Amino acid sequence: MDRNISLWSVFGVFSKIGTFTIGGGYVMLPLIGAEVTRRGWLSAEDYKDVTILAQSAPGILAINIAYYTGYRIRGVKGSVVAALGAALPSFLIILAIAMVFTGFKDNIYVRRFFQGVRPVAVALILSAALDMAKGSDWNWWTAALALGTVFLVAFLSVSPIWIILTVIAGAVSIAALRGRSGRGRTDGKEEDSL
């Protein structure tokens, strides 16, 4: 936490990102990461930790990432300011669109705008996924798990909840088995040394 960073700066960064991102929290991830690391507010490793924490917490990812990043930068006040900065522009834009969109939804320019924005949102989400993948320890097992998850969700419409629960159960089981076999080997070594 750095008290030299002003709350207005935190609000400005998050409101700028909240204003110009279309597509939700995953689109915001690379932009927030670039801003906070460029300004020296967080290291790249700290930001990865914040991202993992934000994704594992319940709630809206954009607000979670803003909240946790703001907390690491300026504590509780920083978390509130960052969350407000990320949410307020989107809220106001959606409110304005809701008031006038019904008259423009069939407009050719509005439809073309949204058609043009979709690929950009997909590219930003892919960029966030690649950034997270860079910091991971990849082996054949993690690559197979990632590709299998994409296949199950995209092509077989399996709910991500079932995949997460299955992976958690598998990881806990493997850890328990390794813990038992590790204790047995340790005990055996101690007996041999006596």
N, C-alpha and C. Protein backbone atom coordinates (compact mmCIF):
# COMPACT_ATOMS: atom_id res chain seq x y z
N MET A 1 0.85 -1.18 0.00
CA MET A 1 0.00 0.00 0.00
C MET A 1 0.89 1.24 0.00
N ASP A 2 0.60 2.18 -0.90
CA ASP A 2 1.40 3.39 -1.03
C ASP A 2 0.51 4.61 -0.89
N ARG A 3 0.68 5.34 0.20
CA ARG A 3 -0.16 6.51 0.46
C ARG A 3 0.18 7.68 -0.46
N ASN A 4 1.30 7.60 -1.19
CA ASN A 4 1.65 8.67 -2.12
C ASN A 4 0.79 8.64 -3.38
N ILE A 5 0.14 7.52 -3.64
CA ILE A 5 -0.75 7.41 -4.81
C ILE A 5 -2.09 8.02 -4.42
N SER A 6 -2.52 9.03 -5.16
CA SER A 6 -3.77 9.71 -4.80
C SER A 6 -4.98 8.85 -5.18
N LEU A 7 -6.02 9.01 -4.38
CA LEU A 7 -7.27 8.30 -4.66
C LEU A 7 -7.87 8.78 -5.99
N TRP A 8 -7.65 10.04 -6.34
CA TRP A 8 -8.14 10.55 -7.63
C TRP A 8 -7.45 9.84 -8.78
N SER A 9 -6.16 9.55 -8.62
CA SER A 9 -5.45 8.82 -9.68
C SER A 9 -6.02 7.42 -9.85
N VAL A 10 -6.28 6.76 -8.72
CA VAL A 10 -6.86 5.42 -8.77
C VAL A 10 -8.23 5.47 -9.44
N PHE A 11 -9.06 6.43 -9.03
CA PHE A 11 -10.39 6.58 -9.62
C PHE A 11 -10.27 6.88 -11.11
N GLY A 12 -9.34 7.76 -11.49
CA GLY A 12 -9.19 8.14 -12.90
C GLY A 12 -8.81 6.95 -13.77
N VAL A 13 -7.87 6.15 -13.30
CA VAL A 13 -7.44 4.99 -14.09
C VAL A 13 -8.58 4.01 -14.27
N PHE A 14 -9.27 3.68 -13.18
CA PHE A 14 -10.34 2.68 -13.27
C PHE A 14 -11.57 3.21 -14.01
N SER A 15 -11.86 4.51 -13.88
CA SER A 15 -13.01 5.05 -14.62
C SER A 15 -12.70 5.13 -16.11
N LYS A 16 -11.43 5.40 -16.47
CA LYS A 16 -11.05 5.41 -17.88
C LYS A 16 -11.22 4.01 -18.48
N ILE A 17 -10.76 3.02 -17.75
CA ILE A 17 -10.88 1.64 -18.23
C ILE A 17 -12.35 1.23 -18.27
N GLY A 18 -13.11 1.59 -17.25
CA GLY A 18 -14.54 1.26 -17.21
C GLY A 18 -15.32 1.92 -18.33
N THR A 19 -14.87 3.10 -18.76
CA THR A 19 -15.56 3.83 -19.83
C THR A 19 -15.32 3.20 -21.20
N PHE A 20 -14.10 2.77 -21.43
CA PHE A 20 -13.73 2.38 -22.79
C PHE A 20 -13.63 0.88 -23.03
N THR A 21 -14.07 0.06 -22.10
CA THR A 21 -14.07 -1.38 -22.35
C THR A 21 -15.48 -1.88 -22.53
N ILE A 22 -15.64 -2.66 -23.57
CA ILE A 22 -16.92 -3.29 -23.85
C ILE A 22 -16.67 -4.79 -23.83
N GLY A 23 -17.42 -5.50 -23.01
CA GLY A 23 -17.26 -6.94 -22.98
C GLY A 23 -17.05 -7.50 -21.59
N GLY A 24 -17.02 -6.66 -20.57
CA GLY A 24 -16.97 -7.17 -19.21
C GLY A 24 -15.58 -7.28 -18.63
N GLY A 25 -15.50 -8.02 -17.53
CA GLY A 25 -14.30 -8.09 -16.72
C GLY A 25 -13.09 -8.67 -17.43
N TYR A 26 -13.28 -9.71 -18.26
CA TYR A 26 -12.13 -10.32 -18.92
C TYR A 26 -11.48 -9.37 -19.91
N VAL A 27 -12.26 -8.46 -20.48
CA VAL A 27 -11.70 -7.46 -21.37
C VAL A 27 -10.89 -6.45 -20.57
N MET A 28 -11.32 -6.18 -19.33
CA MET A 28 -10.62 -5.21 -18.49
C MET A 28 -9.27 -5.73 -17.97
N LEU A 29 -9.14 -7.04 -17.81
CA LEU A 29 -7.94 -7.61 -17.17
C LEU A 29 -6.63 -7.11 -17.79
N PRO A 30 -6.42 -7.22 -19.11
CA PRO A 30 -5.13 -6.77 -19.64
C PRO A 30 -4.94 -5.27 -19.53
N LEU A 31 -6.04 -4.51 -19.62
CA LEU A 31 -5.93 -3.06 -19.54
C LEU A 31 -5.56 -2.60 -18.13
N ILE A 32 -6.22 -3.19 -17.12
CA ILE A 32 -5.88 -2.85 -15.74
C ILE A 32 -4.45 -3.26 -15.44
N GLY A 33 -4.08 -4.47 -15.87
CA GLY A 33 -2.72 -4.95 -15.64
C GLY A 33 -1.68 -4.04 -16.26
N ALA A 34 -1.94 -3.60 -17.49
CA ALA A 34 -0.99 -2.71 -18.17
C ALA A 34 -0.87 -1.38 -17.43
N GLU A 35 -1.98 -0.84 -16.98
CA GLU A 35 -1.96 0.46 -16.29
C GLU A 35 -1.24 0.39 -14.95
N VAL A 36 -1.61 -0.58 -14.13
CA VAL A 36 -1.04 -0.61 -12.77
C VAL A 36 0.43 -1.01 -12.78
N THR A 37 0.85 -1.85 -13.73
CA THR A 37 2.27 -2.20 -13.79
C THR A 37 3.09 -1.07 -14.43
N ARG A 38 2.52 -0.41 -15.42
CA ARG A 38 3.22 0.72 -16.07
C ARG A 38 3.47 1.85 -15.07
N ARG A 39 2.49 2.08 -14.20
CA ARG A 39 2.61 3.15 -13.22
C ARG A 39 3.42 2.72 -12.00
N GLY A 40 3.76 1.44 -11.92
CA GLY A 40 4.54 0.95 -10.79
C GLY A 40 3.73 0.75 -9.53
N TRP A 41 2.41 0.70 -9.66
CA TRP A 41 1.56 0.50 -8.49
C TRP A 41 1.63 -0.94 -7.99
N LEU A 42 1.72 -1.89 -8.92
CA LEU A 42 1.86 -3.31 -8.59
C LEU A 42 2.86 -3.94 -9.54
N SER A 43 3.53 -4.97 -9.07
CA SER A 43 4.39 -5.73 -9.97
C SER A 43 3.52 -6.67 -10.80
N ALA A 44 4.07 -7.18 -11.88
CA ALA A 44 3.32 -8.11 -12.73
C ALA A 44 2.91 -9.35 -11.93
N GLU A 45 3.79 -9.82 -11.04
CA GLU A 45 3.49 -11.00 -10.23
C GLU A 45 2.36 -10.71 -9.23
N ASP A 46 2.40 -9.53 -8.61
CA ASP A 46 1.32 -9.15 -7.68
C ASP A 46 -0.01 -9.05 -8.40
N TYR A 47 0.02 -8.50 -9.63
CA TYR A 47 -1.22 -8.37 -10.39
C TYR A 47 -1.79 -9.74 -10.75
N LYS A 48 -0.93 -10.70 -11.06
CA LYS A 48 -1.41 -12.06 -11.35
C LYS A 48 -2.08 -12.66 -10.12
N ASP A 49 -1.49 -12.43 -8.94
CA ASP A 49 -2.10 -12.92 -7.70
C ASP A 49 -3.47 -12.29 -7.47
N VAL A 50 -3.57 -10.98 -7.71
CA VAL A 50 -4.83 -10.27 -7.56
C VAL A 50 -5.86 -10.81 -8.54
N THR A 51 -5.44 -11.09 -9.77
CA THR A 51 -6.35 -11.62 -10.79
C THR A 51 -6.90 -12.98 -10.38
N ILE A 52 -6.05 -13.84 -9.88
CA ILE A 52 -6.49 -15.17 -9.45
C ILE A 52 -7.47 -15.05 -8.29
N LEU A 53 -7.17 -14.17 -7.34
CA LEU A 53 -8.06 -13.96 -6.20
C LEU A 53 -9.41 -13.42 -6.66
N ALA A 54 -9.39 -12.45 -7.58
CA ALA A 54 -10.63 -11.85 -8.07
C ALA A 54 -11.48 -12.86 -8.81
N GLN A 55 -10.85 -13.75 -9.57
CA GLN A 55 -11.61 -14.75 -10.32
C GLN A 55 -12.20 -15.81 -9.43
N SER A 56 -11.54 -16.09 -8.32
CA SER A 56 -12.05 -17.14 -7.43
C SER A 56 -13.13 -16.63 -6.49
N ALA A 57 -13.26 -15.34 -6.35
CA ALA A 57 -14.28 -14.77 -5.46
C ALA A 57 -15.62 -14.70 -6.19
N PRO A 58 -16.72 -14.85 -5.45
CA PRO A 58 -18.02 -14.70 -6.10
C PRO A 58 -18.28 -13.25 -6.47
N GLY A 59 -19.06 -13.05 -7.49
CA GLY A 59 -19.43 -11.69 -7.88
C GLY A 59 -18.94 -11.35 -9.28
N ILE A 60 -19.11 -10.09 -9.63
CA ILE A 60 -18.77 -9.60 -10.95
C ILE A 60 -17.26 -9.43 -11.05
N LEU A 61 -16.64 -10.02 -12.06
CA LEU A 61 -15.19 -10.01 -12.18
C LEU A 61 -14.65 -8.58 -12.27
N ALA A 62 -15.28 -7.73 -13.04
CA ALA A 62 -14.77 -6.35 -13.20
C ALA A 62 -14.70 -5.64 -11.85
N ILE A 63 -15.72 -5.82 -11.03
CA ILE A 63 -15.73 -5.18 -9.71
C ILE A 63 -14.72 -5.86 -8.79
N ASN A 64 -14.65 -7.18 -8.83
CA ASN A 64 -13.69 -7.90 -7.99
C ASN A 64 -12.25 -7.48 -8.30
N ILE A 65 -11.91 -7.41 -9.58
CA ILE A 65 -10.54 -7.07 -9.95
C ILE A 65 -10.23 -5.64 -9.54
N ALA A 66 -11.20 -4.75 -9.73
CA ALA A 66 -10.99 -3.35 -9.32
C ALA A 66 -10.85 -3.26 -7.80
N TYR A 67 -11.71 -3.98 -7.09
CA TYR A 67 -11.69 -3.94 -5.63
C TYR A 67 -10.36 -4.44 -5.08
N TYR A 68 -9.93 -5.62 -5.52
CA TYR A 68 -8.70 -6.20 -4.99
C TYR A 68 -7.46 -5.41 -5.41
N THR A 69 -7.46 -4.91 -6.64
CA THR A 69 -6.33 -4.10 -7.09
C THR A 69 -6.26 -2.80 -6.30
N GLY A 70 -7.41 -2.15 -6.14
CA GLY A 70 -7.46 -0.91 -5.35
C GLY A 70 -7.03 -1.13 -3.92
N TYR A 71 -7.40 -2.29 -3.37
CA TYR A 71 -7.00 -2.60 -1.99
C TYR A 71 -5.49 -2.75 -1.88
N ARG A 72 -4.87 -3.39 -2.85
CA ARG A 72 -3.41 -3.56 -2.82
C ARG A 72 -2.71 -2.22 -2.99
N ILE A 73 -3.35 -1.29 -3.71
CA ILE A 73 -2.72 0.01 -3.96
C ILE A 73 -2.88 0.96 -2.77
N ARG A 74 -4.13 1.11 -2.26
CA ARG A 74 -4.39 2.11 -1.22
C ARG A 74 -5.28 1.62 -0.09
N GLY A 75 -5.39 0.33 0.11
CA GLY A 75 -6.17 -0.18 1.22
C GLY A 75 -7.66 -0.11 0.96
N VAL A 76 -8.45 0.02 2.04
CA VAL A 76 -9.91 0.00 1.93
C VAL A 76 -10.42 1.16 1.08
N LYS A 77 -9.89 2.35 1.30
CA LYS A 77 -10.32 3.51 0.49
C LYS A 77 -10.02 3.29 -0.98
N GLY A 78 -8.86 2.73 -1.27
CA GLY A 78 -8.50 2.44 -2.65
C GLY A 78 -9.42 1.43 -3.29
N SER A 79 -9.84 0.43 -2.50
CA SER A 79 -10.74 -0.59 -3.06
C SER A 79 -12.10 0.01 -3.41
N VAL A 80 -12.61 0.88 -2.55
CA VAL A 80 -13.91 1.52 -2.81
C VAL A 80 -13.82 2.43 -4.02
N VAL A 81 -12.77 3.24 -4.08
CA VAL A 81 -12.60 4.19 -5.18
C VAL A 81 -12.40 3.46 -6.51
N ALA A 82 -11.60 2.40 -6.51
CA ALA A 82 -11.36 1.64 -7.74
C ALA A 82 -12.63 0.96 -8.22
N ALA A 83 -13.39 0.37 -7.30
CA ALA A 83 -14.64 -0.30 -7.68
C ALA A 83 -15.64 0.72 -8.24
N LEU A 84 -15.73 1.87 -7.60
CA LEU A 84 -16.62 2.92 -8.12
C LEU A 84 -16.16 3.40 -9.49
N GLY A 85 -14.86 3.57 -9.65
CA GLY A 85 -14.33 4.01 -10.93
C GLY A 85 -14.62 3.02 -12.05
N ALA A 86 -14.53 1.73 -11.74
CA ALA A 86 -14.79 0.71 -12.76
C ALA A 86 -16.27 0.59 -13.08
N ALA A 87 -17.14 0.78 -12.08
CA ALA A 87 -18.57 0.52 -12.26
C ALA A 87 -19.37 1.74 -12.72
N LEU A 88 -19.01 2.92 -12.24
CA LEU A 88 -19.83 4.11 -12.50
C LEU A 88 -19.96 4.44 -13.99
N PRO A 89 -18.87 4.47 -14.76
CA PRO A 89 -19.05 4.78 -16.19
C PRO A 89 -19.94 3.78 -16.91
N SER A 90 -19.76 2.49 -16.63
CA SER A 90 -20.59 1.47 -17.28
C SER A 90 -22.05 1.66 -16.91
N PHE A 91 -22.29 1.93 -15.63
CA PHE A 91 -23.66 2.13 -15.16
C PHE A 91 -24.30 3.31 -15.88
N LEU A 92 -23.58 4.42 -15.98
CA LEU A 92 -24.14 5.61 -16.64
C LEU A 92 -24.34 5.39 -18.13
N ILE A 93 -23.40 4.70 -18.76
CA ILE A 93 -23.54 4.42 -20.19
C ILE A 93 -24.72 3.51 -20.46
N ILE A 94 -24.87 2.45 -19.67
CA ILE A 94 -26.00 1.54 -19.84
C ILE A 94 -27.32 2.25 -19.59
N LEU A 95 -27.34 3.13 -18.60
CA LEU A 95 -28.54 3.91 -18.31
C LEU A 95 -28.91 4.79 -19.50
N ALA A 96 -27.92 5.46 -20.07
CA ALA A 96 -28.18 6.31 -21.24
C ALA A 96 -28.63 5.48 -22.43
N ILE A 97 -27.97 4.34 -22.64
CA ILE A 97 -28.35 3.49 -23.77
C ILE A 97 -29.78 2.97 -23.59
N ALA A 98 -30.12 2.57 -22.37
CA ALA A 98 -31.46 2.04 -22.11
C ALA A 98 -32.53 3.09 -22.40
N MET A 99 -32.19 4.35 -22.15
CA MET A 99 -33.18 5.41 -22.37
C MET A 99 -33.39 5.70 -23.85
N VAL A 100 -32.34 5.54 -24.67
CA VAL A 100 -32.47 5.93 -26.08
C VAL A 100 -32.28 4.78 -27.07
N PHE A 101 -31.86 3.60 -26.62
CA PHE A 101 -31.50 2.53 -27.54
C PHE A 101 -32.68 1.99 -28.33
N THR A 102 -33.86 1.96 -27.74
CA THR A 102 -34.99 1.37 -28.46
C THR A 102 -35.25 2.09 -29.77
N GLY A 103 -34.95 3.38 -29.83
CA GLY A 103 -35.15 4.13 -31.07
C GLY A 103 -34.05 3.88 -32.09
N PHE A 104 -32.89 3.36 -31.64
CA PHE A 104 -31.74 3.20 -32.53
C PHE A 104 -31.32 1.76 -32.77
N LYS A 105 -31.98 0.80 -32.12
CA LYS A 105 -31.49 -0.57 -32.18
C LYS A 105 -31.50 -1.15 -33.59
N ASP A 106 -32.36 -0.66 -34.48
CA ASP A 106 -32.40 -1.16 -35.85
C ASP A 106 -31.57 -0.31 -36.81
N ASN A 107 -30.90 0.71 -36.28
CA ASN A 107 -30.07 1.58 -37.10
C ASN A 107 -28.86 0.80 -37.61
N ILE A 108 -28.57 0.93 -38.89
CA ILE A 108 -27.49 0.17 -39.52
C ILE A 108 -26.15 0.50 -38.90
N TYR A 109 -25.93 1.76 -38.52
CA TYR A 109 -24.64 2.16 -37.94
C TYR A 109 -24.45 1.59 -36.54
N VAL A 110 -25.52 1.53 -35.78
CA VAL A 110 -25.46 0.94 -34.44
C VAL A 110 -25.15 -0.55 -34.55
N ARG A 111 -25.81 -1.25 -35.46
CA ARG A 111 -25.54 -2.68 -35.65
C ARG A 111 -24.11 -2.92 -36.12
N ARG A 112 -23.63 -2.09 -37.03
CA ARG A 112 -22.24 -2.25 -37.51
C ARG A 112 -21.24 -1.96 -36.39
N PHE A 113 -21.56 -1.00 -35.54
CA PHE A 113 -20.67 -0.71 -34.40
C PHE A 113 -20.52 -1.95 -33.53
N PHE A 114 -21.63 -2.58 -33.17
CA PHE A 114 -21.57 -3.75 -32.31
C PHE A 114 -20.91 -4.94 -33.02
N GLN A 115 -21.10 -5.04 -34.33
CA GLN A 115 -20.42 -6.10 -35.08
C GLN A 115 -18.91 -5.87 -35.09
N GLY A 116 -18.49 -4.62 -35.13
CA GLY A 116 -17.06 -4.31 -35.11
C GLY A 116 -16.44 -4.47 -33.74
N VAL A 117 -17.22 -4.25 -32.70
CA VAL A 117 -16.70 -4.33 -31.34
C VAL A 117 -16.52 -5.78 -30.89
N ARG A 118 -17.34 -6.69 -31.35
CA ARG A 118 -17.26 -8.09 -30.92
C ARG A 118 -15.87 -8.71 -31.10
N PRO A 119 -15.25 -8.60 -32.28
CA PRO A 119 -13.92 -9.22 -32.43
C PRO A 119 -12.87 -8.59 -31.50
N VAL A 120 -13.00 -7.29 -31.25
CA VAL A 120 -12.06 -6.62 -30.35
C VAL A 120 -12.22 -7.17 -28.94
N ALA A 121 -13.46 -7.35 -28.48
CA ALA A 121 -13.70 -7.91 -27.15
C ALA A 121 -13.14 -9.32 -27.05
N VAL A 122 -13.33 -10.12 -28.09
CA VAL A 122 -12.79 -11.49 -28.09
C VAL A 122 -11.27 -11.45 -28.03
N ALA A 123 -10.64 -10.55 -28.78
CA ALA A 123 -9.18 -10.44 -28.78
C ALA A 123 -8.66 -10.03 -27.40
N LEU A 124 -9.35 -9.12 -26.72
CA LEU A 124 -8.91 -8.69 -25.39
C LEU A 124 -9.07 -9.82 -24.38
N ILE A 125 -10.13 -10.60 -24.51
CA ILE A 125 -10.31 -11.75 -23.61
C ILE A 125 -9.20 -12.78 -23.86
N LEU A 126 -8.89 -13.03 -25.12
CA LEU A 126 -7.80 -13.95 -25.46
C LEU A 126 -6.46 -13.43 -24.93
N SER A 127 -6.26 -12.12 -25.02
CA SER A 127 -5.03 -11.52 -24.50
C SER A 127 -4.91 -11.75 -22.99
N ALA A 128 -6.02 -11.60 -22.26
CA ALA A 128 -6.00 -11.85 -20.81
C ALA A 128 -5.67 -13.31 -20.53
N ALA A 129 -6.24 -14.21 -21.31
CA ALA A 129 -5.97 -15.64 -21.11
C ALA A 129 -4.50 -15.96 -21.37
N LEU A 130 -3.93 -15.38 -22.41
CA LEU A 130 -2.52 -15.63 -22.73
C LEU A 130 -1.60 -15.04 -21.66
N ASP A 131 -1.95 -13.86 -21.13
CA ASP A 131 -1.15 -13.27 -20.06
C ASP A 131 -1.14 -14.16 -18.83
N MET A 132 -2.29 -14.73 -18.50
CA MET A 132 -2.36 -15.61 -17.34
C MET A 132 -1.60 -16.91 -17.61
N ALA A 133 -1.65 -17.38 -18.85
CA ALA A 133 -0.96 -18.62 -19.20
C ALA A 133 0.55 -18.46 -19.14
N LYS A 134 1.07 -17.27 -19.41
CA LYS A 134 2.52 -17.05 -19.38
C LYS A 134 3.09 -17.31 -18.00
N GLY A 135 2.35 -16.97 -16.97
CA GLY A 135 2.87 -17.14 -15.62
C GLY A 135 2.67 -18.53 -15.05
N SER A 136 2.06 -19.42 -15.81
CA SER A 136 1.77 -20.76 -15.30
C SER A 136 2.89 -21.73 -15.65
N ASP A 137 3.00 -22.78 -14.85
CA ASP A 137 3.94 -23.86 -15.15
C ASP A 137 3.24 -24.85 -16.06
N TRP A 138 3.53 -24.80 -17.36
CA TRP A 138 2.85 -25.65 -18.32
C TRP A 138 3.57 -26.99 -18.44
N ASN A 139 2.76 -28.04 -18.48
CA ASN A 139 3.25 -29.37 -18.80
C ASN A 139 2.14 -30.06 -19.59
N TRP A 140 2.32 -31.31 -19.91
CA TRP A 140 1.31 -31.98 -20.74
C TRP A 140 -0.03 -32.04 -20.03
N TRP A 141 -0.03 -32.16 -18.69
CA TRP A 141 -1.27 -32.30 -17.94
C TRP A 141 -2.07 -30.99 -17.96
N THR A 142 -1.41 -29.85 -17.71
CA THR A 142 -2.14 -28.57 -17.69
C THR A 142 -2.62 -28.21 -19.09
N ALA A 143 -1.82 -28.52 -20.11
CA ALA A 143 -2.26 -28.25 -21.49
C ALA A 143 -3.47 -29.10 -21.84
N ALA A 144 -3.45 -30.38 -21.46
CA ALA A 144 -4.60 -31.27 -21.74
C ALA A 144 -5.84 -30.80 -20.98
N LEU A 145 -5.65 -30.35 -19.75
CA LEU A 145 -6.78 -29.86 -18.96
C LEU A 145 -7.38 -28.61 -19.59
N ALA A 146 -6.54 -27.70 -20.05
CA ALA A 146 -7.03 -26.47 -20.69
C ALA A 146 -7.77 -26.79 -21.98
N LEU A 147 -7.17 -27.62 -22.84
CA LEU A 147 -7.81 -27.96 -24.11
C LEU A 147 -9.10 -28.77 -23.90
N GLY A 148 -9.06 -29.68 -22.92
CA GLY A 148 -10.27 -30.46 -22.61
C GLY A 148 -11.40 -29.58 -22.11
N THR A 149 -11.06 -28.59 -21.30
CA THR A 149 -12.08 -27.67 -20.79
C THR A 149 -12.70 -26.86 -21.92
N VAL A 150 -11.86 -26.35 -22.81
CA VAL A 150 -12.38 -25.60 -23.96
C VAL A 150 -13.30 -26.48 -24.79
N PHE A 151 -12.88 -27.71 -25.05
CA PHE A 151 -13.69 -28.63 -25.85
C PHE A 151 -15.03 -28.90 -25.18
N LEU A 152 -15.01 -29.22 -23.87
CA LEU A 152 -16.25 -29.55 -23.16
C LEU A 152 -17.22 -28.37 -23.11
N VAL A 153 -16.70 -27.18 -22.87
CA VAL A 153 -17.58 -26.01 -22.76
C VAL A 153 -18.06 -25.55 -24.13
N ALA A 154 -17.14 -25.44 -25.10
CA ALA A 154 -17.49 -24.87 -26.40
C ALA A 154 -18.28 -25.82 -27.29
N PHE A 155 -17.92 -27.11 -27.27
CA PHE A 155 -18.52 -28.02 -28.24
C PHE A 155 -19.58 -28.95 -27.64
N LEU A 156 -19.46 -29.27 -26.36
CA LEU A 156 -20.42 -30.18 -25.75
C LEU A 156 -21.36 -29.48 -24.77
N SER A 157 -21.19 -28.17 -24.63
CA SER A 157 -22.04 -27.33 -23.76
C SER A 157 -22.10 -27.84 -22.32
N VAL A 158 -20.98 -28.37 -21.82
CA VAL A 158 -20.91 -28.79 -20.42
C VAL A 158 -20.77 -27.53 -19.56
N SER A 159 -21.51 -27.47 -18.48
CA SER A 159 -21.44 -26.31 -17.60
C SER A 159 -20.06 -26.20 -16.96
N PRO A 160 -19.47 -25.00 -16.98
CA PRO A 160 -18.17 -24.81 -16.32
C PRO A 160 -18.19 -25.16 -14.84
N ILE A 161 -19.35 -25.07 -14.22
CA ILE A 161 -19.46 -25.41 -12.79
C ILE A 161 -19.08 -26.87 -12.56
N TRP A 162 -19.59 -27.77 -13.43
CA TRP A 162 -19.27 -29.19 -13.28
C TRP A 162 -17.79 -29.45 -13.50
N ILE A 163 -17.18 -28.73 -14.43
CA ILE A 163 -15.76 -28.91 -14.69
C ILE A 163 -14.95 -28.45 -13.48
N ILE A 164 -15.30 -27.30 -12.93
CA ILE A 164 -14.58 -26.76 -11.76
C ILE A 164 -14.72 -27.72 -10.58
N LEU A 165 -15.94 -28.21 -10.33
CA LEU A 165 -16.15 -29.13 -9.21
C LEU A 165 -15.36 -30.43 -9.41
N THR A 166 -15.33 -30.92 -10.65
CA THR A 166 -14.58 -32.15 -10.94
C THR A 166 -13.08 -31.95 -10.73
N VAL A 167 -12.57 -30.81 -11.20
CA VAL A 167 -11.14 -30.54 -11.03
C VAL A 167 -10.79 -30.37 -9.55
N ILE A 168 -11.65 -29.69 -8.79
CA ILE A 168 -11.40 -29.53 -7.35
C ILE A 168 -11.37 -30.90 -6.67
N ALA A 169 -12.37 -31.75 -6.97
CA ALA A 169 -12.41 -33.08 -6.36
C ALA A 169 -11.18 -33.89 -6.74
N GLY A 170 -10.78 -33.82 -8.01
CA GLY A 170 -9.59 -34.54 -8.45
C GLY A 170 -8.33 -34.04 -7.77
N ALA A 171 -8.19 -32.72 -7.67
CA ALA A 171 -6.99 -32.14 -7.05
C ALA A 171 -6.90 -32.50 -5.57
N VAL A 172 -8.04 -32.46 -4.88
CA VAL A 172 -8.05 -32.82 -3.45
C VAL A 172 -7.70 -34.30 -3.29
N SER A 173 -8.25 -35.15 -4.14
CA SER A 173 -7.95 -36.59 -4.07
C SER A 173 -6.48 -36.87 -4.33
N ILE A 174 -5.91 -36.22 -5.35
CA ILE A 174 -4.50 -36.43 -5.68
C ILE A 174 -3.62 -35.93 -4.53
N ALA A 175 -3.96 -34.77 -3.97
CA ALA A 175 -3.17 -34.24 -2.86
C ALA A 175 -3.24 -35.16 -1.65
N ALA A 176 -4.43 -35.72 -1.39
CA ALA A 176 -4.57 -36.64 -0.26
C ALA A 176 -3.75 -37.91 -0.48
N LEU A 177 -3.77 -38.46 -1.70
CA LEU A 177 -3.00 -39.66 -2.01
C LEU A 177 -1.50 -39.39 -1.92
N ARG A 178 -1.08 -38.25 -2.43
CA ARG A 178 0.34 -37.90 -2.36
C ARG A 178 0.76 -37.66 -0.92
N GLY A 179 -0.12 -37.08 -0.13
CA GLY A 179 0.18 -36.84 1.28
C GLY A 179 0.38 -38.13 2.04
N ARG A 180 -0.48 -39.12 1.77
CA ARG A 180 -0.35 -40.43 2.43
C ARG A 180 0.92 -41.13 2.01
N SER A 181 1.17 -41.17 0.71
CA SER A 181 2.36 -41.89 0.24
C SER A 181 3.64 -41.16 0.65
N GLY A 182 3.60 -39.83 0.74
CA GLY A 182 4.76 -39.07 1.18
C GLY A 182 5.07 -39.32 2.64
N ARG A 183 4.03 -39.43 3.48
CA ARG A 183 4.24 -39.70 4.90
C ARG A 183 4.81 -41.09 5.11
N GLY A 184 4.34 -42.04 4.32
CA GLY A 184 4.83 -43.41 4.45
C GLY A 184 6.30 -43.51 4.10
N ARG A 185 6.72 -42.78 3.04
CA ARG A 185 8.13 -42.81 2.65
C ARG A 185 9.00 -42.15 3.70
N THR A 186 8.50 -41.03 4.25
CA THR A 186 9.27 -40.33 5.28
C THR A 186 9.45 -41.22 6.50
N ASP A 187 8.34 -41.88 6.94
CA ASP A 187 8.43 -42.76 8.10
C ASP A 187 9.40 -43.91 7.86
N GLY A 188 9.39 -44.44 6.64
CA GLY A 188 10.28 -45.54 6.31
C GLY A 188 11.74 -45.12 6.34
N LYS A 189 12.00 -43.90 5.85
CA LYS A 189 13.38 -43.40 5.86
C LYS A 189 13.86 -43.21 7.29
N GLU A 190 12.97 -42.69 8.12
CA GLU A 190 13.37 -42.45 9.52
C GLU A 190 13.68 -43.79 10.20
N GLU A 191 12.86 -44.82 9.90
CA GLU A 191 13.11 -46.13 10.52
C GLU A 191 14.43 -46.71 10.04
N ASP A 192 14.73 -46.53 8.71
CA ASP A 192 15.98 -47.07 8.20
C ASP A 192 17.19 -46.38 8.83
N SER A 193 17.04 -45.07 9.09
CA SER A 193 18.19 -44.35 9.64
C SER A 193 18.42 -44.70 11.11
N LEU A 194 17.41 -45.21 11.80
CA LEU A 194 17.58 -45.58 13.20
C LEU A 194 18.26 -46.91 13.22
